[in-house]
Structures are given as structure tokens and as C-alpha cells.
Amino acid sequence: MVPLSCLLAPCPTRTLVIIILVVSSAGCSVTQPVRVVDQGITQAAVSLGGPFIPFDGMTVPTPYLNLGLIHSYKENLTLIGNIHGTMALPE
């Protein structure tokens, strides 16, 4: 476990931790806009679905929830953030 102080101050493992966080947050998520959103506009995105799996003799969909927020900070800069809701739920 990396101490929180390594994320806030220069530390030998800080760069590695940042790279791991960035790489692990990339992947499947809510559909992203192709064009820049108009300045000052905020949009929410929700995706619910998942693969079908065999369960007790039936084929059932598995829940998979993605939540996203899209905000246009400037005329040529749109910020996008996503969270995998299903994975964020406690066990």
C-alpha cells in the first residue's frame, strides 16, 4: 500500500502511482462525445447493461452501471469523468 503522503509530495513511487491510476481508469465506459461541447454546458451520461451469462439454467444479463459527467471548461476543452458504479458498490 502506498502512503497518501506519496501522492501529495514528491516521492520515488509517485510517478508510478500516477501512471497506474491513469492507465487503470482507461477502458470501457460511457460513450464519449466526438466534438467539443459548447462552453459552460454540463451533461450527464448513464449506461446500464452488461454481458449475458448462464445462471441456474437460464441466460441472464449481468448488471453493469457506468456514470459519467461531461463539462465544457473552455471553447476548445471538454472535461470528461466516468465512474463504474457497479464496481464502486461495497461487497
PDB file of N, CA and C in Angstrom:
ATOM      1  N   MET A   1       0.842  -1.176   0.000  1.00  0.00           N
ATOM      2  CA  MET A   1       0.000   0.000   0.000  1.00  0.00           C
ATOM      3  C   MET A   1       0.887   1.239   0.000  1.00  0.00           C
ATOM      4  N   VAL A   2       0.585   2.193  -0.852  1.00  0.00           N
ATOM      5  CA  VAL A   2       1.363   3.426  -0.948  1.00  0.00           C
ATOM      6  C   VAL A   2       0.777   4.449   0.017  1.00  0.00           C
ATOM      7  N   PRO A   3       1.619   5.079   0.857  1.00  0.00           N
ATOM      8  CA  PRO A   3       1.101   6.083   1.785  1.00  0.00           C
ATOM      9  C   PRO A   3       0.532   7.286   1.026  1.00  0.00           C
ATOM     10  N   LEU A   4      -0.500   7.894   1.585  1.00  0.00           N
ATOM     11  CA  LEU A   4      -1.133   9.065   0.976  1.00  0.00           C
ATOM     12  C   LEU A   4      -0.131  10.194   0.797  1.00  0.00           C
ATOM     13  N   SER A   5       0.863  10.293   1.656  1.00  0.00           N
ATOM     14  CA  SER A   5       1.860  11.358   1.546  1.00  0.00           C
ATOM     15  C   SER A   5       2.633  11.278   0.237  1.00  0.00           C
ATOM     16  N   CYS A   6       2.771  10.081  -0.348  1.00  0.00           N
ATOM     17  CA  CYS A   6       3.467   9.937  -1.627  1.00  0.00           C
ATOM     18  C   CYS A   6       2.673  10.533  -2.777  1.00  0.00           C
ATOM     19  N   LEU A   7       1.368  10.598  -2.643  1.00  0.00           N
ATOM     20  CA  LEU A   7       0.546  11.190  -3.696  1.00  0.00           C
ATOM     21  C   LEU A   7       0.567  12.715  -3.623  1.00  0.00           C
ATOM     22  N   LEU A   8       0.826  13.254  -2.439  1.00  0.00           N
ATOM     23  CA  LEU A   8       0.764  14.697  -2.239  1.00  0.00           C
ATOM     24  C   LEU A   8       2.126  15.380  -2.331  1.00  0.00           C
ATOM     25  N   ALA A   9       3.192  14.683  -2.078  1.00  0.00           N
ATOM     26  CA  ALA A   9       4.530  15.270  -2.096  1.00  0.00           C
ATOM     27  C   ALA A   9       5.431  14.437  -3.011  1.00  0.00           C
ATOM     28  N   PRO A  10       6.512  15.040  -3.508  1.00  0.00           N
ATOM     29  CA  PRO A  10       7.436  14.262  -4.340  1.00  0.00           C
ATOM     30  C   PRO A  10       7.917  13.012  -3.597  1.00  0.00           C
ATOM     31  N   CYS A  11       7.881  11.903  -4.287  1.00  0.00           N
ATOM     32  CA  CYS A  11       8.206  10.623  -3.688  1.00  0.00           C
ATOM     33  C   CYS A  11       8.654   9.702  -4.826  1.00  0.00           C
ATOM     34  N   PRO A  12       9.565   8.763  -4.589  1.00  0.00           N
ATOM     35  CA  PRO A  12      10.029   7.890  -5.669  1.00  0.00           C
ATOM     36  C   PRO A  12       8.907   7.108  -6.354  1.00  0.00           C
ATOM     37  N   THR A  13       7.866   6.771  -5.620  1.00  0.00           N
ATOM     38  CA  THR A  13       6.791   5.973  -6.211  1.00  0.00           C
ATOM     39  C   THR A  13       5.641   6.823  -6.756  1.00  0.00           C
ATOM     40  N   ARG A  14       5.726   8.125  -6.604  1.00  0.00           N
ATOM     41  CA  ARG A  14       4.619   8.999  -7.022  1.00  0.00           C
ATOM     42  C   ARG A  14       4.316   8.866  -8.514  1.00  0.00           C
ATOM     43  N   THR A  15       5.344   8.917  -9.349  1.00  0.00           N
ATOM     44  CA  THR A  15       5.138   8.811 -10.792  1.00  0.00           C
ATOM     45  C   THR A  15       4.513   7.467 -11.143  1.00  0.00           C
ATOM     46  N   LEU A  16       4.991   6.403 -10.544  1.00  0.00           N
ATOM     47  CA  LEU A  16       4.446   5.080 -10.806  1.00  0.00           C
ATOM     48  C   LEU A  16       2.981   5.001 -10.385  1.00  0.00           C
ATOM     49  N   VAL A  17       2.647   5.540  -9.234  1.00  0.00           N
ATOM     50  CA  VAL A  17       1.263   5.518  -8.745  1.00  0.00           C
ATOM     51  C   VAL A  17       0.355   6.302  -9.687  1.00  0.00           C
ATOM     52  N   ILE A  18       0.811   7.451 -10.151  1.00  0.00           N
ATOM     53  CA  ILE A  18       0.003   8.260 -11.070  1.00  0.00           C
ATOM     54  C   ILE A  18      -0.210   7.519 -12.387  1.00  0.00           C
ATOM     55  N   ILE A  19       0.829   6.892 -12.906  1.00  0.00           N
ATOM     56  CA  ILE A  19       0.699   6.125 -14.152  1.00  0.00           C
ATOM     57  C   ILE A  19      -0.287   4.979 -13.973  1.00  0.00           C
ATOM     58  N   ILE A  20      -0.203   4.261 -12.872  1.00  0.00           N
ATOM     59  CA  ILE A  20      -1.120   3.146 -12.615  1.00  0.00           C
ATOM     60  C   ILE A  20      -2.558   3.644 -12.522  1.00  0.00           C
ATOM     61  N   LEU A  21      -2.787   4.768 -11.836  1.00  0.00           N
ATOM     62  CA  LEU A  21      -4.142   5.315 -11.720  1.00  0.00           C
ATOM     63  C   LEU A  21      -4.704   5.739 -13.075  1.00  0.00           C
ATOM     64  N   VAL A  22      -3.875   6.379 -13.880  1.00  0.00           N
ATOM     65  CA  VAL A  22      -4.334   6.831 -15.205  1.00  0.00           C
ATOM     66  C   VAL A  22      -4.640   5.642 -16.110  1.00  0.00           C
ATOM     67  N   VAL A  23      -3.751   4.668 -16.157  1.00  0.00           N
ATOM     68  CA  VAL A  23      -3.939   3.506 -17.023  1.00  0.00           C
ATOM     69  C   VAL A  23      -5.131   2.670 -16.558  1.00  0.00           C
ATOM     70  N   SER A  24      -5.287   2.496 -15.253  1.00  0.00           N
ATOM     71  CA  SER A  24      -6.388   1.668 -14.757  1.00  0.00           C
ATOM     72  C   SER A  24      -7.740   2.352 -14.912  1.00  0.00           C
ATOM     73  N   SER A  25      -7.761   3.660 -15.067  1.00  0.00           N
ATOM     74  CA  SER A  25      -9.047   4.347 -15.237  1.00  0.00           C
ATOM     75  C   SER A  25      -9.481   4.392 -16.696  1.00  0.00           C
ATOM     76  N   ALA A  26      -8.607   4.018 -17.608  1.00  0.00           N
ATOM     77  CA  ALA A  26      -8.966   3.988 -19.029  1.00  0.00           C
ATOM     78  C   ALA A  26      -9.658   2.668 -19.337  1.00  0.00           C
ATOM     79  N   GLY A  27     -10.528   2.693 -20.286  1.00  0.00           N
ATOM     80  CA  GLY A  27     -11.183   1.456 -20.688  1.00  0.00           C
ATOM     81  C   GLY A  27     -12.642   1.666 -21.008  1.00  0.00           C
ATOM     82  N   CYS A  28     -13.412   0.626 -20.845  1.00  0.00           N
ATOM     83  CA  CYS A  28     -14.832   0.685 -21.182  1.00  0.00           C
ATOM     84  C   CYS A  28     -15.555   1.661 -20.264  1.00  0.00           C
ATOM     85  N   SER A  29     -16.369   2.477 -20.865  1.00  0.00           N
ATOM     86  CA  SER A  29     -17.150   3.427 -20.082  1.00  0.00           C
ATOM     87  C   SER A  29     -18.264   3.991 -20.943  1.00  0.00           C
ATOM     88  N   VAL A  30     -18.908   4.987 -20.423  1.00  0.00           N
ATOM     89  CA  VAL A  30     -19.987   5.649 -21.135  1.00  0.00           C
ATOM     90  C   VAL A  30     -19.445   6.238 -22.436  1.00  0.00           C
ATOM     91  N   THR A  31     -20.260   6.268 -23.468  1.00  0.00           N
ATOM     92  CA  THR A  31     -19.850   6.823 -24.756  1.00  0.00           C
ATOM     93  C   THR A  31     -19.400   8.268 -24.593  1.00  0.00           C
ATOM     94  N   GLN A  32     -18.303   8.626 -25.244  1.00  0.00           N
ATOM     95  CA  GLN A  32     -17.740   9.966 -25.143  1.00  0.00           C
ATOM     96  C   GLN A  32     -18.132  10.798 -26.363  1.00  0.00           C
ATOM     97  N   PRO A  33     -18.254  12.116 -26.184  1.00  0.00           N
ATOM     98  CA  PRO A  33     -18.575  12.960 -27.340  1.00  0.00           C
ATOM     99  C   PRO A  33     -17.394  13.043 -28.303  1.00  0.00           C
ATOM    100  N   VAL A  34     -17.685  13.151 -29.597  1.00  0.00           N
ATOM    101  CA  VAL A  34     -16.641  13.275 -30.599  1.00  0.00           C
ATOM    102  C   VAL A  34     -16.225  14.726 -30.747  1.00  0.00           C
ATOM    103  N   ARG A  35     -17.161  15.620 -30.601  1.00  0.00           N
ATOM    104  CA  ARG A  35     -16.890  17.051 -30.728  1.00  0.00           C
ATOM    105  C   ARG A  35     -16.853  17.710 -29.362  1.00  0.00           C
ATOM    106  N   VAL A  36     -16.238  18.882 -29.315  1.00  0.00           N
ATOM    107  CA  VAL A  36     -16.188  19.664 -28.078  1.00  0.00           C
ATOM    108  C   VAL A  36     -17.596  20.180 -27.786  1.00  0.00           C
ATOM    109  N   VAL A  37     -18.017  20.078 -26.532  1.00  0.00           N
ATOM    110  CA  VAL A  37     -19.323  20.574 -26.108  1.00  0.00           C
ATOM    111  C   VAL A  37     -19.236  22.091 -25.982  1.00  0.00           C
ATOM    112  N   ASP A  38     -20.338  22.801 -26.234  1.00  0.00           N
ATOM    113  CA  ASP A  38     -20.343  24.263 -26.122  1.00  0.00           C
ATOM    114  C   ASP A  38     -19.911  24.702 -24.726  1.00  0.00           C
ATOM    115  N   GLN A  39     -19.189  25.809 -24.647  1.00  0.00           N
ATOM    116  CA  GLN A  39     -18.629  26.302 -23.393  1.00  0.00           C
ATOM    117  C   GLN A  39     -19.714  26.511 -22.340  1.00  0.00           C
ATOM    118  N   GLY A  40     -19.434  26.049 -21.120  1.00  0.00           N
ATOM    119  CA  GLY A  40     -20.338  26.215 -19.993  1.00  0.00           C
ATOM    120  C   GLY A  40     -21.421  25.157 -19.885  1.00  0.00           C
ATOM    121  N   ILE A  41     -21.481  24.236 -20.815  1.00  0.00           N
ATOM    122  CA  ILE A  41     -22.501  23.189 -20.809  1.00  0.00           C
ATOM    123  C   ILE A  41     -22.002  21.989 -20.010  1.00  0.00           C
ATOM    124  N   THR A  42     -22.870  21.432 -19.167  1.00  0.00           N
ATOM    125  CA  THR A  42     -22.566  20.212 -18.418  1.00  0.00           C
ATOM    126  C   THR A  42     -23.602  19.164 -18.788  1.00  0.00           C
ATOM    127  N   GLN A  43     -23.142  17.966 -19.074  1.00  0.00           N
ATOM    128  CA  GLN A  43     -24.028  16.873 -19.446  1.00  0.00           C
ATOM    129  C   GLN A  43     -23.734  15.659 -18.571  1.00  0.00           C
ATOM    130  N   ALA A  44     -24.779  14.913 -18.248  1.00  0.00           N
ATOM    131  CA  ALA A  44     -24.618  13.661 -17.514  1.00  0.00           C
ATOM    132  C   ALA A  44     -24.826  12.512 -18.488  1.00  0.00           C
ATOM    133  N   ALA A  45     -24.125  11.424 -18.253  1.00  0.00           N
ATOM    134  CA  ALA A  45     -24.252  10.242 -19.103  1.00  0.00           C
ATOM    135  C   ALA A  45     -24.396   9.009 -18.217  1.00  0.00           C
ATOM    136  N   VAL A  46     -25.318   8.136 -18.592  1.00  0.00           N
ATOM    137  CA  VAL A  46     -25.559   6.912 -17.833  1.00  0.00           C
ATOM    138  C   VAL A  46     -25.651   5.749 -18.812  1.00  0.00           C
ATOM    139  N   SER A  47     -25.036   4.662 -18.451  1.00  0.00           N
ATOM    140  CA  SER A  47     -25.100   3.456 -19.269  1.00  0.00           C
ATOM    141  C   SER A  47     -25.358   2.272 -18.345  1.00  0.00           C
ATOM    142  N   LEU A  48     -26.385   1.498 -18.652  1.00  0.00           N
ATOM    143  CA  LEU A  48     -26.712   0.318 -17.862  1.00  0.00           C
ATOM    144  C   LEU A  48     -26.800  -0.868 -18.801  1.00  0.00           C
ATOM    145  N   GLY A  49     -26.062  -1.888 -18.512  1.00  0.00           N
ATOM    146  CA  GLY A  49     -26.086  -3.076 -19.355  1.00  0.00           C
ATOM    147  C   GLY A  49     -24.974  -4.012 -18.955  1.00  0.00           C
ATOM    148  N   GLY A  50     -24.745  -4.996 -19.738  1.00  0.00           N
ATOM    149  CA  GLY A  50     -23.678  -5.934 -19.435  1.00  0.00           C
ATOM    150  C   GLY A  50     -23.854  -7.203 -20.236  1.00  0.00           C
ATOM    151  N   PRO A  51     -22.915  -8.112 -20.109  1.00  0.00           N
ATOM    152  CA  PRO A  51     -22.993  -9.360 -20.871  1.00  0.00           C
ATOM    153  C   PRO A  51     -24.064 -10.295 -20.312  1.00  0.00           C
ATOM    154  N   PHE A  52     -24.517 -11.208 -21.145  1.00  0.00           N
ATOM    155  CA  PHE A  52     -25.441 -12.248 -20.708  1.00  0.00           C
ATOM    156  C   PHE A  52     -24.624 -13.458 -20.263  1.00  0.00           C
ATOM    157  N   ILE A  53     -25.017 -14.034 -19.126  1.00  0.00           N
ATOM    158  CA  ILE A  53     -24.298 -15.204 -18.606  1.00  0.00           C
ATOM    159  C   ILE A  53     -25.290 -16.314 -18.272  1.00  0.00           C
ATOM    160  N   PRO A  54     -24.840 -17.558 -18.361  1.00  0.00           N
ATOM    161  CA  PRO A  54     -25.719 -18.659 -17.937  1.00  0.00           C
ATOM    162  C   PRO A  54     -25.771 -18.706 -16.411  1.00  0.00           C
ATOM    163  N   PHE A  55     -26.987 -18.809 -15.879  1.00  0.00           N
ATOM    164  CA  PHE A  55     -27.146 -18.862 -14.431  1.00  0.00           C
ATOM    165  C   PHE A  55     -28.361 -19.724 -14.106  1.00  0.00           C
ATOM    166  N   ASP A  56     -28.147 -20.820 -13.430  1.00  0.00           N
ATOM    167  CA  ASP A  56     -29.217 -21.700 -12.975  1.00  0.00           C
ATOM    168  C   ASP A  56     -30.127 -22.141 -14.123  1.00  0.00           C
ATOM    169  N   GLY A  57     -29.507 -22.486 -15.256  1.00  0.00           N
ATOM    170  CA  GLY A  57     -30.270 -22.977 -16.392  1.00  0.00           C
ATOM    171  C   GLY A  57     -30.890 -21.901 -17.259  1.00  0.00           C
ATOM    172  N   MET A  58     -30.686 -20.625 -16.918  1.00  0.00           N
ATOM    173  CA  MET A  58     -31.225 -19.518 -17.710  1.00  0.00           C
ATOM    174  C   MET A  58     -30.073 -18.626 -18.156  1.00  0.00           C
ATOM    175  N   THR A  59     -30.342 -17.797 -19.150  1.00  0.00           N
ATOM    176  CA  THR A  59     -29.375 -16.786 -19.561  1.00  0.00           C
ATOM    177  C   THR A  59     -29.877 -15.447 -19.048  1.00  0.00           C
ATOM    178  N   VAL A  60     -29.070 -14.804 -18.196  1.00  0.00           N
ATOM    179  CA  VAL A  60     -29.499 -13.549 -17.567  1.00  0.00           C
ATOM    180  C   VAL A  60     -28.456 -12.457 -17.825  1.00  0.00           C
ATOM    181  N   PRO A  61     -28.919 -11.197 -17.907  1.00  0.00           N
ATOM    182  CA  PRO A  61     -27.957 -10.098 -18.063  1.00  0.00           C
ATOM    183  C   PRO A  61     -27.307  -9.779 -16.716  1.00  0.00           C
ATOM    184  N   THR A  62     -26.029  -9.463 -16.745  1.00  0.00           N
ATOM    185  CA  THR A  62     -25.351  -9.041 -15.516  1.00  0.00           C
ATOM    186  C   THR A  62     -25.418  -7.525 -15.425  1.00  0.00           C
ATOM    187  N   PRO A  63     -25.657  -7.005 -14.249  1.00  0.00           N
ATOM    188  CA  PRO A  63     -25.736  -5.546 -14.120  1.00  0.00           C
ATOM    189  C   PRO A  63     -24.356  -4.906 -14.281  1.00  0.00           C
ATOM    190  N   TYR A  64     -24.308  -3.837 -15.037  1.00  0.00           N
ATOM    191  CA  TYR A  64     -23.062  -3.110 -15.231  1.00  0.00           C
ATOM    192  C   TYR A  64     -23.432  -1.652 -15.423  1.00  0.00           C
ATOM    193  N   LEU A  65     -23.149  -0.837 -14.430  1.00  0.00           N
ATOM    194  CA  LEU A  65     -23.575   0.563 -14.425  1.00  0.00           C
ATOM    195  C   LEU A  65     -22.375   1.490 -14.584  1.00  0.00           C
ATOM    196  N   ASN A  66     -22.448   2.383 -15.562  1.00  0.00           N
ATOM    197  CA  ASN A  66     -21.442   3.426 -15.765  1.00  0.00           C
ATOM    198  C   ASN A  66     -22.118   4.782 -15.609  1.00  0.00           C
ATOM    199  N   LEU A  67     -21.475   5.688 -14.897  1.00  0.00           N
ATOM    200  CA  LEU A  67     -21.968   7.054 -14.731  1.00  0.00           C
ATOM    201  C   LEU A  67     -20.895   8.008 -15.230  1.00  0.00           C
ATOM    202  N   GLY A  68     -21.302   9.036 -15.931  1.00  0.00           N
ATOM    203  CA  GLY A  68     -20.325   9.975 -16.464  1.00  0.00           C
ATOM    204  C   GLY A  68     -20.803  11.409 -16.366  1.00  0.00           C
ATOM    205  N   LEU A  69     -19.860  12.321 -16.353  1.00  0.00           N
ATOM    206  CA  LEU A  69     -20.143  13.749 -16.333  1.00  0.00           C
ATOM    207  C   LEU A  69     -19.237  14.407 -17.367  1.00  0.00           C
ATOM    208  N   ILE A  70     -19.841  15.230 -18.216  1.00  0.00           N
ATOM    209  CA  ILE A  70     -19.122  15.913 -19.285  1.00  0.00           C
ATOM    210  C   ILE A  70     -19.336  17.407 -19.087  1.00  0.00           C
ATOM    211  N   HIS A  71     -18.245  18.173 -19.013  1.00  0.00           N
ATOM    212  CA  HIS A  71     -18.354  19.617 -18.811  1.00  0.00           C
ATOM    213  C   HIS A  71     -17.396  20.342 -19.754  1.00  0.00           C
ATOM    214  N   SER A  72     -17.916  21.344 -20.431  1.00  0.00           N
ATOM    215  CA  SER A  72     -17.079  22.139 -21.322  1.00  0.00           C
ATOM    216  C   SER A  72     -16.485  23.290 -20.519  1.00  0.00           C
ATOM    217  N   TYR A  73     -15.191  23.201 -20.282  1.00  0.00           N
ATOM    218  CA  TYR A  73     -14.484  24.197 -19.477  1.00  0.00           C
ATOM    219  C   TYR A  73     -14.173  25.440 -20.299  1.00  0.00           C
ATOM    220  N   LYS A  74     -13.736  25.245 -21.517  1.00  0.00           N
ATOM    221  CA  LYS A  74     -13.409  26.332 -22.431  1.00  0.00           C
ATOM    222  C   LYS A  74     -13.998  26.008 -23.799  1.00  0.00           C
ATOM    223  N   GLU A  75     -13.826  26.928 -24.715  1.00  0.00           N
ATOM    224  CA  GLU A  75     -14.339  26.737 -26.066  1.00  0.00           C
ATOM    225  C   GLU A  75     -13.740  25.512 -26.746  1.00  0.00           C
ATOM    226  N   ASN A  76     -12.492  25.196 -26.431  1.00  0.00           N
ATOM    227  CA  ASN A  76     -11.816  24.071 -27.079  1.00  0.00           C
ATOM    228  C   ASN A  76     -11.372  22.994 -26.088  1.00  0.00           C
ATOM    229  N   LEU A  77     -12.000  22.935 -24.905  1.00  0.00           N
ATOM    230  CA  LEU A  77     -11.606  21.957 -23.894  1.00  0.00           C
ATOM    231  C   LEU A  77     -12.842  21.400 -23.195  1.00  0.00           C
ATOM    232  N   THR A  78     -13.070  20.108 -23.362  1.00  0.00           N
ATOM    233  CA  THR A  78     -14.174  19.428 -22.699  1.00  0.00           C
ATOM    234  C   THR A  78     -13.594  18.426 -21.712  1.00  0.00           C
ATOM    235  N   LEU A  79     -14.020  18.510 -20.451  1.00  0.00           N
ATOM    236  CA  LEU A  79     -13.553  17.595 -19.408  1.00  0.00           C
ATOM    237  C   LEU A  79     -14.564  16.466 -19.252  1.00  0.00           C
ATOM    238  N   ILE A  80     -14.056  15.247 -19.114  1.00  0.00           N
ATOM    239  CA  ILE A  80     -14.914  14.069 -19.027  1.00  0.00           C
ATOM    240  C   ILE A  80     -14.469  13.221 -17.846  1.00  0.00           C
ATOM    241  N   GLY A  81     -15.413  12.792 -17.029  1.00  0.00           N
ATOM    242  CA  GLY A  81     -15.112  11.904 -15.915  1.00  0.00           C
ATOM    243  C   GLY A  81     -16.139  10.790 -15.851  1.00  0.00           C
ATOM    244  N   ASN A  82     -15.699   9.592 -15.580  1.00  0.00           N
ATOM    245  CA  ASN A  82     -16.581   8.428 -15.508  1.00  0.00           C
ATOM    246  C   ASN A  82     -16.287   7.618 -14.262  1.00  0.00           C
ATOM    247  N   ILE A  83     -17.308   6.938 -13.787  1.00  0.00           N
ATOM    248  CA  ILE A  83     -17.132   6.002 -12.677  1.00  0.00           C
ATOM    249  C   ILE A  83     -17.928   4.742 -13.009  1.00  0.00           C
ATOM    250  N   HIS A  84     -17.348   3.616 -12.704  1.00  0.00           N
ATOM    251  CA  HIS A  84     -18.038   2.344 -12.891  1.00  0.00           C
ATOM    252  C   HIS A  84     -18.834   2.079 -11.616  1.00  0.00           C
ATOM    253  N   GLY A  85     -20.123   2.359 -11.673  1.00  0.00           N
ATOM    254  CA  GLY A  85     -20.972   2.268 -10.500  1.00  0.00           C
ATOM    255  C   GLY A  85     -21.048   0.885  -9.883  1.00  0.00           C
ATOM    256  N   THR A  86     -21.092  -0.134 -10.713  1.00  0.00           N
ATOM    257  CA  THR A  86     -21.177  -1.499 -10.197  1.00  0.00           C
ATOM    258  C   THR A  86     -19.919  -1.853  -9.404  1.00  0.00           C
ATOM    259  N   MET A  87     -18.771  -1.472  -9.913  1.00  0.00           N
ATOM    260  CA  MET A  87     -17.509  -1.783  -9.227  1.00  0.00           C
ATOM    261  C   MET A  87     -17.333  -0.936  -7.961  1.00  0.00           C
ATOM    262  N   ALA A  88     -17.993   0.208  -7.888  1.00  0.00           N
ATOM    263  CA  ALA A  88     -17.849   1.086  -6.735  1.00  0.00           C
ATOM    264  C   ALA A  88     -18.722   0.638  -5.562  1.00  0.00           C
ATOM    265  N   LEU A  89     -19.666  -0.246  -5.810  1.00  0.00           N
ATOM    266  CA  LEU A  89     -20.535  -0.717  -4.731  1.00  0.00           C
ATOM    267  C   LEU A  89     -19.750  -1.599  -3.756  1.00  0.00           C
ATOM    268  N   PRO A  90     -20.038  -1.462  -2.461  1.00  0.00           N
ATOM    269  CA  PRO A  90     -19.347  -2.333  -1.495  1.00  0.00           C
ATOM    270  C   PRO A  90     -19.836  -3.767  -1.643  1.00  0.00           C
ATOM    271  N   GLU A  91     -18.999  -4.686  -1.227  1.00  0.00           N
ATOM    272  CA  GLU A  91     -19.362  -6.115  -1.336  1.00  0.00           C
ATOM    273  C   GLU A  91     -20.462  -6.471  -0.384  1.00  0.00           C
TER     274      GLU A  91
END
